[in-house]
Amino acid sequence: MLSLKKWAVLVGAVGLAISSTAQVVTYPFPRGLPASADYTVRTGGKEIFAWGTPAFSLAAFALTGETEVTVTAIRPFKKVVTRPTALGVQGTVEDNTVRFRLNRPCQLSVEFDDQLRRPLFLFADPPETNVPKPGDPNVRYFAGGQVHEAGEIQLRNGQTVYLAPGAVVRGIIQASGVTGARVIGRGILDATTRTNKLQFVTLTSCTNIEMNGVIVLGSFGWTLVPKLCENIRFRHVKVASWRDNDDGLDIVSSRHVTVENCFFRTKDDCISVKAFGDSLAYSDLRTSTRKTAGQEDESAADRTGYADVQDVRVRDSVFWNAEWGNALEIGYELRTARVRDLVFQNCDIIREERGAAISIHNGDIAAVENARFEDIRIEDATGKLLDLRVGLSIYSEDCPYEFSRKNPKRKRASGGAWLLPGDEPPAAHAKFRGSIRNVHLKNVRITAAKMPPSVIQGYGPGSEVSNVTFENVLFHGKPVLNAAEAELTMEHANGVRFISR
C-alpha cells in the first residue's frame, strides 16, 4: 500500500519497451447506464465511461503504446493500491486524483483505503483485429452505443456473435451440439437488470468454441458453463459480478479447456471444475468403479455416458473471490471416474475473502489427479491457502436428503458443506468416496497479512489425499519448509513434502 503523499513512479516492472506514440480507443456506451458514483476516469485526453455497481465500478478502453490514466475519487482517501501488484503499476497522487502510466493492455483493480466494495476495475484491452462486418450471414452483430434486449441467443455452427465496443446486450446465450462458433468483441453481456437466477452462457456438448474480449457483468446464477464440451477457449474475458451463486466459470465434464488473460471478480467461486450426470448413471458407475490408483474401470464410465474432466489450462489471469466459494476450485460435484491434468499457471489471486485460494473438494467418486498450481501470486487471503478434502458433502450424490443441497428445508450439517460423523456414519458412504493424488504447488508467493492455513483431509483407507508437494512456496519471500510453517493440518494424507530451492 502506498501513501497519499507519494505513490512512487511507474512502469519499469512491466518490462516492455515504451512506445513514443499511443492510441486510446474509447467505447461509445449508450446514455442512461448507471454511472459510477465514486470515480471519474480519463486517458489519452478522453473521459472513459465508468459503470457503477453495488460492489465496484469498472471502465474499459483499448490501448496501443503508452498512455497516462487519471482516476479522480469523489471522496477523500488516505491510501491507494493497484492490483495485481506484480505488474508494478505505480504513480503519483495529487489531491483526490491518482495518475499512472500504462504501456500495455492489462486488467487492474484500483483500491482506495481498503474499501472492498468500492474498487475501480480498469480494463485496458488489446486492440481489436479482424473485426466482423454487419450483414455477414454468419455474424450476429450487436452495434455499439445501444442497449440490445436480445432475450435468448441460440448459438449456431460456425457463427460469430459480435458485441461491438459500447454494445450492451441483455439476454442469455445457449448452445447445444454446436461447433466452430465464437462470442467476441468489446461489448458487455449485461445481467444486472435480471431478477431470476439463470445460467448466463451455457454450452452443452459443443466443440471448438471461443469467447474473447467481452465483459460479462452482474450474473445471477452461474456465469460461463461449458458442459460435456471439448476444445473451448476463453481469452481476455472479464467476469465481474456480486450476486448469489455467480460462479465465474464452471467447467463441467469437459476436456481441453483453455483460459487465458481473463479477469474474474465473483461473489461465489471464480473458477470451479465439476462433473455431473443423472442419478441412475451415477449408481451404475459408483458400484462398478474402483477408485484406487490404476484400477478405475473406464468401461464403466463409458457405459454410463459420463465424461471425465481432462486437460484444463488456466493461465495469465486475475482472480478476486468475494463472500462465498473459492478462487481456484475443483469440486464439489465430481461424479465421474477421473478428473485429471489440470494446470493453473502465472495467475494473480488479488483477493480471497472467505474460502480458499486453492481448493479441491471431492464430494463424490472421482479420482482427482495431476493438479498443478505454478507461479501463483496470492496478495490477500483471509481464508485458507490450500483446502484438499475427500468427504461426504451436502452436494454429494449420496448425501442423505435431510442434509442435501437439493432439500430446501435441509438440516444444517456440522461441517458447513461437509457432513461429519455425528451427522451420518462415515462407513456407510466409504465405498462411494473418491481420492486426490499428485497435487503440486510450485513458485507460490504469498503476501497476505498473515500466513493463511491449509487443510489436507482424506476420508479413510482407499480415499486418501496423497502425493502433495509444496515447492518453493514463499510467505513474504521466506520459504515455507514444513507443515508447521504452512499452518497445515492433515488426516488420511500421505506423501506430503516440502521442497525449497
Protein backbone atom coordinates (compact mmCIF):
# COMPACT_ATOMS: atom_id res chain seq x y z
CA MET A 1 0.00 0.00 0.00
CA LEU A 2 1.21 3.47 -0.87
CA SER A 3 0.95 6.76 0.99
CA LEU A 4 -1.13 9.70 -0.15
CA LYS A 5 1.90 11.98 -0.43
CA LYS A 6 3.91 9.75 -2.67
CA TRP A 7 2.63 6.97 -4.80
CA ALA A 8 6.06 6.17 -6.38
CA VAL A 9 6.66 6.34 -10.18
CA LEU A 10 5.53 3.60 -12.55
CA VAL A 11 6.20 1.13 -15.05
CA GLY A 12 9.65 -0.36 -15.01
CA ALA A 13 8.36 -3.67 -13.62
CA VAL A 14 6.08 -4.14 -16.61
CA GLY A 15 9.18 -4.84 -18.66
CA LEU A 16 8.08 -3.83 -22.17
CA ALA A 17 9.52 -1.18 -24.44
CA ILE A 18 7.59 2.09 -24.21
CA SER A 19 6.20 3.36 -27.47
CA SER A 20 6.60 7.02 -28.38
CA THR A 21 3.06 7.05 -29.72
CA ALA A 22 -0.15 5.88 -28.17
CA GLN A 23 -3.63 5.20 -29.37
CA VAL A 24 -6.52 5.06 -26.93
CA VAL A 25 -9.87 3.87 -28.24
CA THR A 26 -12.86 4.75 -26.06
CA TYR A 27 -16.05 2.72 -26.13
CA PRO A 28 -19.30 4.55 -27.01
CA PHE A 29 -21.57 3.19 -24.30
CA PRO A 30 -25.20 4.40 -24.54
CA ARG A 31 -26.61 7.09 -22.31
CA GLY A 32 -28.65 6.12 -19.29
CA LEU A 33 -26.39 3.38 -17.93
CA PRO A 34 -25.62 3.52 -14.19
CA ALA A 35 -22.51 5.67 -13.90
CA SER A 36 -20.01 5.31 -11.06
CA ALA A 37 -20.79 7.43 -8.01
CA ASP A 38 -17.17 7.09 -6.85
CA TYR A 39 -14.77 7.81 -9.73
CA THR A 40 -14.16 9.63 -12.97
CA VAL A 41 -11.56 8.24 -15.37
CA ARG A 42 -9.59 9.91 -18.15
CA THR A 43 -6.86 8.76 -20.51
CA GLY A 44 -5.46 9.91 -23.82
CA GLY A 45 -7.21 13.24 -23.33
CA LYS A 46 -10.58 11.48 -23.22
CA GLU A 47 -13.08 10.69 -20.49
CA ILE A 48 -13.78 6.97 -20.12
CA PHE A 49 -17.25 5.91 -19.03
CA ALA A 50 -17.16 4.26 -15.59
CA TRP A 51 -20.07 1.90 -14.88
CA GLY A 52 -21.29 1.81 -11.26
CA THR A 53 -22.48 -1.30 -9.40
CA PRO A 54 -23.18 -2.08 -5.71
CA ALA A 55 -19.75 -3.75 -5.37
CA PHE A 56 -17.36 -1.93 -7.73
CA SER A 57 -17.00 0.48 -10.63
CA LEU A 58 -15.50 -0.53 -13.97
CA ALA A 59 -14.11 1.22 -17.00
CA ALA A 60 -12.68 -0.17 -20.24
CA PHE A 61 -10.83 1.08 -23.30
CA ALA A 62 -8.39 -0.24 -25.92
CA LEU A 63 -4.73 0.67 -25.77
CA THR A 64 -1.76 0.68 -28.12
CA GLY A 65 1.51 2.14 -26.85
CA GLU A 66 1.81 4.14 -23.62
CA THR A 67 -0.80 6.38 -22.00
CA GLU A 68 -1.38 8.25 -18.77
CA VAL A 69 -4.52 7.36 -16.82
CA THR A 70 -6.06 9.68 -14.24
CA VAL A 71 -8.61 8.50 -11.71
CA THR A 72 -10.36 11.12 -9.61
CA ALA A 73 -12.12 9.88 -6.49
CA ILE A 74 -15.29 11.66 -5.38
CA ARG A 75 -14.36 11.15 -1.72
CA PRO A 76 -11.06 11.94 0.01
CA PHE A 77 -8.77 8.96 0.60
CA LYS A 78 -5.61 8.22 2.57
CA LYS A 79 -4.04 5.36 0.64
CA VAL A 80 -4.35 3.56 -2.65
CA VAL A 81 -3.06 0.31 -4.13
CA THR A 82 -3.25 -1.08 -7.64
CA ARG A 83 -3.52 -4.86 -8.08
CA PRO A 84 -2.06 -7.14 -9.28
CA THR A 85 0.92 -5.60 -7.56
CA ALA A 86 3.21 -7.82 -9.67
CA LEU A 87 2.53 -5.51 -12.63
CA GLY A 88 4.35 -2.71 -10.83
CA VAL A 89 1.78 -0.08 -11.79
CA GLN A 90 2.52 2.91 -9.59
CA GLY A 91 2.08 6.62 -9.95
CA THR A 92 1.51 9.88 -8.14
CA VAL A 93 -1.31 11.35 -6.11
CA GLU A 94 -2.39 14.98 -6.04
CA ASP A 95 -5.47 15.99 -4.08
CA ASN A 96 -8.05 13.30 -4.92
CA THR A 97 -6.54 12.31 -8.28
CA VAL A 98 -4.29 9.35 -9.00
CA ARG A 99 -2.09 9.46 -12.12
CA PHE A 100 -0.23 6.48 -13.52
CA ARG A 101 1.06 5.30 -16.87
CA LEU A 102 0.28 2.10 -18.72
CA ASN A 103 2.32 0.73 -21.60
CA ARG A 104 0.44 -2.46 -22.38
CA PRO A 105 -3.02 -3.99 -22.09
CA CYS A 106 -3.80 -5.20 -18.57
CA GLN A 107 -6.59 -5.71 -16.05
CA LEU A 108 -6.33 -3.71 -12.85
CA SER A 109 -8.12 -3.25 -9.56
CA VAL A 110 -7.50 0.23 -8.15
CA GLU A 111 -8.40 0.19 -4.45
CA PHE A 112 -8.79 3.14 -2.09
CA ASP A 113 -8.50 2.83 1.70
CA ASP A 114 -9.06 -0.97 1.52
CA GLN A 115 -12.74 -0.46 0.69
CA LEU A 116 -13.56 -3.89 -0.73
CA ARG A 117 -16.92 -2.78 -2.12
CA ARG A 118 -15.63 0.35 -3.86
CA PRO A 119 -12.71 -0.60 -6.10
CA LEU A 120 -12.34 0.55 -9.68
CA PHE A 121 -11.74 -2.23 -12.21
CA LEU A 122 -9.83 -0.84 -15.16
CA PHE A 123 -9.64 -2.98 -18.30
CA ALA A 124 -7.09 -1.79 -20.86
CA ASP A 125 -7.83 -4.10 -23.81
CA PRO A 126 -5.58 -5.02 -26.70
CA PRO A 127 -6.75 -3.51 -30.00
CA GLU A 128 -9.33 -5.47 -31.96
CA THR A 129 -8.26 -7.31 -35.09
CA ASN A 130 -10.28 -8.98 -37.85
CA VAL A 131 -13.47 -7.22 -36.78
CA PRO A 132 -16.62 -8.86 -38.24
CA LYS A 133 -18.79 -6.80 -40.56
CA PRO A 134 -22.52 -6.15 -40.20
CA GLY A 135 -24.53 -8.07 -42.74
CA ASP A 136 -22.27 -11.11 -42.84
CA PRO A 137 -24.69 -14.07 -42.83
CA ASN A 138 -22.51 -15.92 -40.30
CA VAL A 139 -22.38 -12.96 -37.89
CA ARG A 140 -24.93 -11.81 -35.34
CA TYR A 141 -23.84 -8.23 -34.91
CA PHE A 142 -24.68 -6.07 -31.88
CA ALA A 143 -23.77 -2.46 -32.63
CA GLY A 144 -22.03 -0.16 -30.15
CA GLY A 145 -23.78 2.71 -28.43
CA GLN A 146 -27.00 0.74 -27.96
CA VAL A 147 -28.76 -1.43 -25.37
CA HIS A 148 -29.94 -4.64 -27.04
CA GLU A 149 -32.74 -6.63 -25.38
CA ALA A 150 -31.65 -9.87 -27.02
CA GLY A 151 -33.59 -12.44 -24.99
CA GLU A 152 -32.24 -15.94 -25.66
CA ILE A 153 -29.37 -16.07 -28.13
CA GLN A 154 -29.03 -19.51 -29.70
CA LEU A 155 -25.51 -20.03 -30.99
CA ARG A 156 -25.21 -21.87 -34.35
CA ASN A 157 -22.48 -23.86 -36.06
CA GLY A 158 -19.74 -21.60 -37.43
CA GLN A 159 -21.48 -18.45 -36.18
CA THR A 160 -19.84 -15.37 -34.68
CA VAL A 161 -21.77 -13.37 -32.09
CA TYR A 162 -20.07 -9.98 -32.07
CA LEU A 163 -20.53 -7.36 -29.35
CA ALA A 164 -19.07 -4.16 -30.75
CA PRO A 165 -17.34 -1.74 -28.34
CA GLY A 166 -20.04 0.11 -26.43
CA ALA A 167 -22.73 -2.54 -27.04
CA VAL A 168 -24.80 -3.62 -24.03
CA VAL A 169 -26.53 -6.94 -24.66
CA ARG A 170 -29.16 -8.22 -22.23
CA GLY A 171 -30.09 -11.87 -22.58
CA ILE A 172 -28.61 -15.33 -22.24
CA ILE A 173 -26.51 -17.37 -24.66
CA GLN A 174 -27.17 -21.07 -25.19
CA ALA A 175 -25.63 -23.64 -27.49
CA SER A 176 -26.18 -27.39 -27.85
CA GLY A 177 -24.11 -29.60 -30.12
CA VAL A 178 -22.52 -26.56 -31.78
CA THR A 179 -19.05 -26.49 -33.31
CA GLY A 180 -16.77 -23.74 -34.58
CA ALA A 181 -18.60 -20.73 -33.09
CA ARG A 182 -17.39 -17.54 -31.40
CA VAL A 183 -18.64 -14.90 -28.94
CA ILE A 184 -16.27 -11.95 -29.31
CA GLY A 185 -15.96 -8.18 -29.09
CA ARG A 186 -15.50 -5.44 -26.52
CA GLY A 187 -19.14 -5.03 -25.55
CA ILE A 188 -20.91 -6.06 -22.35
CA LEU A 189 -23.16 -9.03 -21.70
CA ASP A 190 -25.36 -7.45 -19.04
CA ALA A 191 -27.38 -9.37 -16.44
CA THR A 192 -27.67 -6.52 -13.94
CA THR A 193 -31.37 -5.97 -14.56
CA ARG A 194 -32.31 -9.67 -14.40
CA THR A 195 -34.37 -10.75 -11.38
CA ASN A 196 -34.43 -14.53 -11.92
CA LYS A 197 -31.49 -16.88 -11.37
CA LEU A 198 -30.27 -18.44 -14.64
CA GLN A 199 -27.05 -19.75 -16.12
CA PHE A 200 -25.76 -16.93 -18.29
CA VAL A 201 -23.72 -18.57 -21.09
CA THR A 202 -24.35 -22.32 -21.39
CA LEU A 203 -22.52 -24.55 -23.86
CA THR A 204 -23.66 -28.18 -23.96
CA SER A 205 -21.87 -30.89 -25.98
CA CYS A 206 -20.04 -28.25 -28.03
CA THR A 207 -16.62 -28.33 -29.67
CA ASN A 208 -14.18 -25.67 -30.82
CA ILE A 209 -15.87 -22.63 -29.25
CA GLU A 210 -14.10 -19.36 -28.47
CA MET A 211 -15.13 -16.49 -26.22
CA ASN A 212 -12.87 -13.46 -26.49
CA GLY A 213 -12.80 -9.92 -25.16
CA VAL A 214 -16.28 -9.38 -23.76
CA ILE A 215 -17.23 -8.12 -20.30
CA VAL A 216 -19.78 -10.36 -18.55
CA LEU A 217 -21.49 -8.25 -15.91
CA GLY A 218 -23.76 -8.94 -12.95
CA SER A 219 -24.60 -12.62 -13.43
CA PHE A 220 -27.35 -14.01 -11.16
CA GLY A 221 -26.51 -17.71 -11.17
CA TRP A 222 -23.60 -19.49 -12.84
CA THR A 223 -21.92 -17.30 -15.45
CA LEU A 224 -19.96 -19.31 -18.07
CA VAL A 225 -20.84 -23.01 -18.18
CA PRO A 226 -19.32 -25.43 -20.70
CA LYS A 227 -20.84 -28.92 -20.16
CA LEU A 228 -19.67 -32.08 -21.94
CA CYS A 229 -17.56 -29.91 -24.23
CA GLU A 230 -14.17 -30.17 -25.92
CA ASN A 231 -11.73 -27.55 -27.18
CA ILE A 232 -13.20 -24.48 -25.50
CA ARG A 233 -11.18 -21.25 -25.26
CA PHE A 234 -11.79 -18.18 -23.07
CA ARG A 235 -9.46 -15.25 -23.81
CA HIS A 236 -9.47 -11.70 -22.46
CA VAL A 237 -12.91 -12.30 -20.91
CA LYS A 238 -13.79 -10.15 -17.91
CA VAL A 239 -16.36 -11.60 -15.48
CA ALA A 240 -17.47 -9.06 -12.88
CA SER A 241 -20.31 -9.89 -10.52
CA TRP A 242 -21.58 -9.60 -6.95
CA ARG A 243 -24.80 -11.67 -6.92
CA ASP A 244 -25.76 -15.06 -5.49
CA ASN A 245 -24.35 -18.29 -6.99
CA ASP A 246 -22.48 -16.31 -9.63
CA ASP A 247 -19.62 -18.80 -10.21
CA GLY A 248 -17.46 -17.19 -12.87
CA LEU A 249 -16.63 -20.30 -14.90
CA ASP A 250 -17.94 -23.80 -14.21
CA ILE A 251 -16.09 -26.35 -16.33
CA VAL A 252 -18.41 -29.35 -16.21
CA SER A 253 -17.44 -32.78 -17.59
CA SER A 254 -15.32 -31.13 -20.28
CA ARG A 255 -11.91 -31.63 -21.86
CA HIS A 256 -9.27 -29.41 -23.43
CA VAL A 257 -10.43 -26.12 -21.92
CA THR A 258 -8.13 -23.08 -22.05
CA VAL A 259 -8.49 -19.87 -20.04
CA GLU A 260 -6.02 -17.07 -20.88
CA ASN A 261 -5.66 -13.42 -19.84
CA CYS A 262 -9.05 -13.36 -18.12
CA PHE A 263 -10.36 -11.49 -15.07
CA PHE A 264 -12.82 -12.83 -12.51
CA ARG A 265 -14.46 -10.99 -9.63
CA THR A 266 -17.34 -13.04 -8.23
CA LYS A 267 -19.26 -13.46 -5.01
CA ASP A 268 -19.04 -17.26 -5.39
CA ASP A 269 -16.30 -19.47 -6.92
CA CYS A 270 -14.19 -17.72 -9.55
CA ILE A 271 -13.46 -20.99 -11.39
CA SER A 272 -14.90 -24.38 -10.48
CA VAL A 273 -14.26 -27.73 -12.17
CA LYS A 274 -17.13 -30.22 -11.87
CA ALA A 275 -18.58 -33.43 -13.31
CA PHE A 276 -22.31 -34.17 -13.32
CA GLY A 277 -24.67 -36.88 -14.51
CA ASP A 278 -28.06 -38.43 -13.82
CA SER A 279 -28.64 -40.48 -10.67
CA LEU A 280 -29.11 -43.83 -12.43
CA ALA A 281 -25.85 -43.47 -14.32
CA TYR A 282 -24.11 -42.42 -11.12
CA SER A 283 -25.40 -45.53 -9.34
CA ASP A 284 -24.06 -47.77 -12.10
CA LEU A 285 -20.70 -46.01 -12.11
CA ARG A 286 -20.08 -45.88 -8.39
CA THR A 287 -20.83 -49.59 -7.89
CA SER A 288 -18.59 -50.74 -10.75
CA THR A 289 -15.63 -48.38 -10.41
CA ARG A 290 -12.69 -48.94 -8.09
CA LYS A 291 -11.05 -45.69 -7.17
CA THR A 292 -7.60 -46.79 -6.01
CA ALA A 293 -4.64 -45.88 -8.18
CA GLY A 294 -4.60 -47.50 -11.57
CA GLN A 295 -7.73 -49.59 -11.03
CA GLU A 296 -10.54 -47.39 -12.37
CA ASP A 297 -12.94 -49.29 -14.61
CA GLU A 298 -13.03 -46.98 -17.63
CA SER A 299 -15.57 -49.19 -19.37
CA ALA A 300 -17.98 -48.42 -16.57
CA ALA A 301 -17.58 -44.71 -17.23
CA ASP A 302 -18.14 -45.31 -20.93
CA ARG A 303 -21.30 -47.33 -20.29
CA THR A 304 -22.87 -44.68 -18.11
CA GLY A 305 -22.20 -41.90 -20.57
CA TYR A 306 -20.13 -39.94 -18.05
CA ALA A 307 -17.41 -37.68 -19.36
CA ASP A 308 -14.21 -37.34 -17.38
CA VAL A 309 -12.58 -33.95 -16.98
CA GLN A 310 -9.18 -33.72 -18.62
CA ASP A 311 -6.69 -31.08 -19.74
CA VAL A 312 -7.83 -27.80 -18.22
CA ARG A 313 -5.33 -24.93 -18.59
CA VAL A 314 -5.77 -21.63 -16.78
CA ARG A 315 -3.01 -19.05 -17.18
CA ASP A 316 -2.14 -15.35 -17.06
CA SER A 317 -5.39 -14.44 -15.29
CA VAL A 318 -6.58 -12.39 -12.29
CA PHE A 319 -8.99 -13.54 -9.56
CA TRP A 320 -11.00 -11.87 -6.80
CA ASN A 321 -13.15 -14.28 -4.80
CA ALA A 322 -15.55 -12.41 -2.51
CA GLU A 323 -18.01 -13.57 0.16
CA TRP A 324 -18.67 -17.19 -0.90
CA GLY A 325 -16.81 -20.03 -2.53
CA ASN A 326 -13.15 -20.25 -3.50
CA ALA A 327 -10.81 -18.71 -6.06
CA LEU A 328 -9.46 -21.80 -7.87
CA GLU A 329 -11.82 -24.69 -7.09
CA ILE A 330 -12.10 -28.31 -8.20
CA GLY A 331 -15.37 -29.75 -6.87
CA TYR A 332 -17.59 -30.33 -5.04
CA GLU A 333 -19.60 -32.39 -7.53
CA LEU A 334 -17.17 -34.86 -9.12
CA ARG A 335 -19.38 -37.71 -10.35
CA THR A 336 -17.11 -39.42 -12.81
CA ALA A 337 -14.16 -41.81 -12.80
CA ARG A 338 -11.34 -39.31 -13.32
CA VAL A 339 -10.65 -35.60 -13.12
CA ARG A 340 -7.07 -35.12 -14.28
CA ASP A 341 -4.37 -32.96 -15.83
CA LEU A 342 -5.32 -29.53 -14.51
CA VAL A 343 -2.80 -26.67 -14.71
CA PHE A 344 -3.15 -23.18 -13.20
CA GLN A 345 -0.14 -21.06 -14.16
CA ASN A 346 1.03 -17.45 -13.81
CA CYS A 347 -2.11 -16.21 -12.07
CA ASP A 348 -2.79 -13.48 -9.51
CA ILE A 349 -5.28 -14.05 -6.70
CA ILE A 350 -5.66 -10.46 -5.59
CA ARG A 351 -8.43 -11.10 -3.05
CA GLU A 352 -9.77 -14.23 -1.37
CA GLU A 353 -12.24 -13.11 1.27
CA ARG A 354 -13.53 -16.26 2.90
CA GLY A 355 -12.96 -19.69 1.34
CA ALA A 356 -9.66 -20.93 -0.08
CA ALA A 357 -7.26 -19.60 -2.66
CA ILE A 358 -6.71 -23.15 -3.99
CA SER A 359 -9.13 -25.97 -3.26
CA ILE A 360 -10.06 -29.49 -4.29
CA HIS A 361 -13.32 -30.58 -2.67
CA ASN A 362 -14.05 -34.14 -3.77
CA GLY A 363 -17.57 -34.91 -2.61
CA ASP A 364 -18.12 -37.89 -4.91
CA ILE A 365 -16.36 -40.85 -6.51
CA ALA A 366 -13.73 -39.33 -8.80
CA ALA A 367 -10.01 -39.93 -8.68
CA VAL A 368 -8.67 -36.38 -8.92
CA GLU A 369 -5.08 -36.50 -10.10
CA ASN A 370 -2.31 -34.37 -11.55
CA ALA A 371 -3.32 -30.87 -10.49
CA ARG A 372 -0.57 -28.28 -10.78
CA PHE A 373 -0.55 -24.71 -9.43
CA GLU A 374 2.58 -22.92 -10.63
CA ASP A 375 3.70 -19.28 -10.45
CA ILE A 376 0.69 -18.22 -8.42
CA ARG A 377 0.76 -14.91 -6.53
CA ILE A 378 -1.64 -14.55 -3.61
CA GLU A 379 -1.92 -10.98 -2.36
CA ASP A 380 -4.76 -11.20 0.12
CA ALA A 381 -6.21 -14.37 1.64
CA THR A 382 -8.34 -14.21 4.75
CA GLY A 383 -9.49 -17.85 4.49
CA LYS A 384 -7.21 -20.75 3.54
CA LEU A 385 -4.27 -21.12 1.21
CA LEU A 386 -4.98 -24.76 0.31
CA ASP A 387 -8.01 -26.93 1.11
CA LEU A 388 -7.87 -30.54 -0.14
CA ARG A 389 -10.69 -32.77 1.08
CA VAL A 390 -12.40 -36.03 0.25
CA GLY A 391 -15.71 -36.49 2.02
CA LEU A 392 -19.47 -36.60 2.12
CA SER A 393 -20.83 -33.15 1.37
CA ILE A 394 -24.22 -31.55 1.03
CA TYR A 395 -23.55 -31.60 -2.74
CA SER A 396 -22.70 -35.33 -2.89
CA GLU A 397 -24.97 -37.56 -4.93
CA ASP A 398 -25.29 -39.97 -1.98
CA CYS A 399 -25.88 -37.26 0.61
CA PRO A 400 -28.86 -38.13 2.85
CA TYR A 401 -31.79 -35.98 1.79
CA GLU A 402 -32.19 -34.37 5.19
CA PHE A 403 -28.80 -32.65 4.65
CA SER A 404 -28.78 -32.44 0.85
CA ARG A 405 -28.43 -29.17 -1.03
CA LYS A 406 -31.41 -30.36 -3.08
CA ASN A 407 -33.63 -30.14 0.00
CA PRO A 408 -34.95 -26.60 0.51
CA LYS A 409 -35.65 -27.46 4.18
CA ARG A 410 -32.36 -29.26 4.74
CA LYS A 411 -30.85 -29.72 8.17
CA ARG A 412 -27.57 -27.90 8.69
CA ALA A 413 -24.54 -30.19 8.51
CA SER A 414 -21.99 -29.98 11.32
CA GLY A 415 -19.14 -29.17 8.97
CA GLY A 416 -20.91 -26.50 6.91
CA ALA A 417 -20.70 -28.01 3.43
CA TRP A 418 -19.38 -31.30 4.90
CA LEU A 419 -21.17 -33.97 6.90
CA LEU A 420 -19.25 -35.10 9.94
CA PRO A 421 -19.53 -38.45 11.78
CA GLY A 422 -22.18 -37.04 14.09
CA ASP A 423 -24.38 -36.31 11.07
CA GLU A 424 -24.08 -39.69 9.33
CA PRO A 425 -21.95 -42.81 9.94
CA PRO A 426 -18.97 -42.41 7.58
CA ALA A 427 -18.60 -46.15 6.93
CA ALA A 428 -21.97 -46.21 5.19
CA HIS A 429 -20.58 -43.94 2.46
CA ALA A 430 -16.93 -45.01 2.32
CA LYS A 431 -17.26 -47.08 -0.86
CA PHE A 432 -18.67 -44.06 -2.71
CA ARG A 433 -15.77 -41.72 -1.91
CA GLY A 434 -13.02 -40.79 -4.32
CA SER A 435 -9.42 -39.72 -3.86
CA ILE A 436 -6.98 -36.88 -4.55
CA ARG A 437 -3.42 -37.51 -5.65
CA ASN A 438 -0.47 -35.75 -7.27
CA VAL A 439 -1.07 -32.10 -6.37
CA HIS A 440 1.89 -29.79 -6.94
CA LEU A 441 2.24 -26.21 -5.72
CA LYS A 442 5.32 -24.58 -7.25
CA ASN A 443 6.52 -20.99 -7.00
CA VAL A 444 3.54 -19.82 -4.97
CA ARG A 445 4.19 -16.39 -3.47
CA ILE A 446 2.00 -15.20 -0.61
CA THR A 447 1.98 -11.58 0.55
CA ALA A 448 -1.17 -11.64 2.69
CA ALA A 449 -1.08 -10.00 6.11
CA LYS A 450 -0.67 -13.41 7.78
CA MET A 451 0.01 -16.93 6.59
CA PRO A 452 -3.32 -18.49 5.56
CA PRO A 453 -3.75 -22.01 6.98
CA SER A 454 -4.12 -25.17 4.89
CA VAL A 455 -6.06 -28.43 5.29
CA ILE A 456 -5.41 -31.83 3.70
CA GLN A 457 -8.05 -34.36 4.72
CA GLY A 458 -8.96 -37.68 3.18
CA TYR A 459 -11.95 -39.84 4.09
CA GLY A 460 -10.22 -43.07 5.05
CA PRO A 461 -8.38 -46.07 3.57
CA GLY A 462 -8.75 -46.03 -0.23
CA SER A 463 -9.94 -42.44 -0.19
CA GLU A 464 -6.83 -40.62 0.93
CA VAL A 465 -5.12 -37.48 -0.26
CA SER A 466 -1.65 -38.47 -1.45
CA ASN A 467 1.47 -37.02 -3.04
CA VAL A 468 1.10 -33.30 -2.33
CA THR A 469 4.19 -31.18 -2.98
CA PHE A 470 4.90 -27.65 -1.74
CA GLU A 471 7.83 -26.50 -3.90
CA ASN A 472 9.23 -23.03 -3.38
CA VAL A 473 6.16 -21.74 -1.55
CA LEU A 474 7.13 -18.35 -0.13
CA PHE A 475 5.47 -16.20 2.53
CA HIS A 476 6.75 -12.63 2.16
CA GLY A 477 9.81 -14.05 0.42
CA LYS A 478 10.60 -16.64 3.10
CA PRO A 479 10.38 -20.34 2.14
CA VAL A 480 7.67 -22.39 3.85
CA LEU A 481 9.62 -25.50 4.85
CA ASN A 482 7.25 -27.73 6.81
CA ALA A 483 3.69 -28.35 7.91
CA ALA A 484 4.05 -26.13 10.99
CA GLU A 485 5.20 -23.14 8.93
CA ALA A 486 2.38 -23.79 6.46
CA GLU A 487 -0.12 -23.98 9.35
CA LEU A 488 -1.13 -27.28 7.76
CA THR A 489 -3.40 -29.86 9.39
CA MET A 490 -3.64 -33.36 7.89
CA GLU A 491 -5.74 -36.50 8.24
CA HIS A 492 -5.77 -39.58 6.00
CA ALA A 493 -2.97 -37.99 3.97
CA ASN A 494 0.38 -39.35 2.85
CA GLY A 495 3.31 -38.30 0.70
CA VAL A 496 3.15 -34.63 1.67
CA ARG A 497 6.51 -32.96 1.17
CA PHE A 498 8.14 -29.52 1.16
CA ILE A 499 10.92 -28.52 -1.25
CA SER A 500 12.87 -25.27 -1.20
CA ARG A 501 15.43 -24.03 -3.68
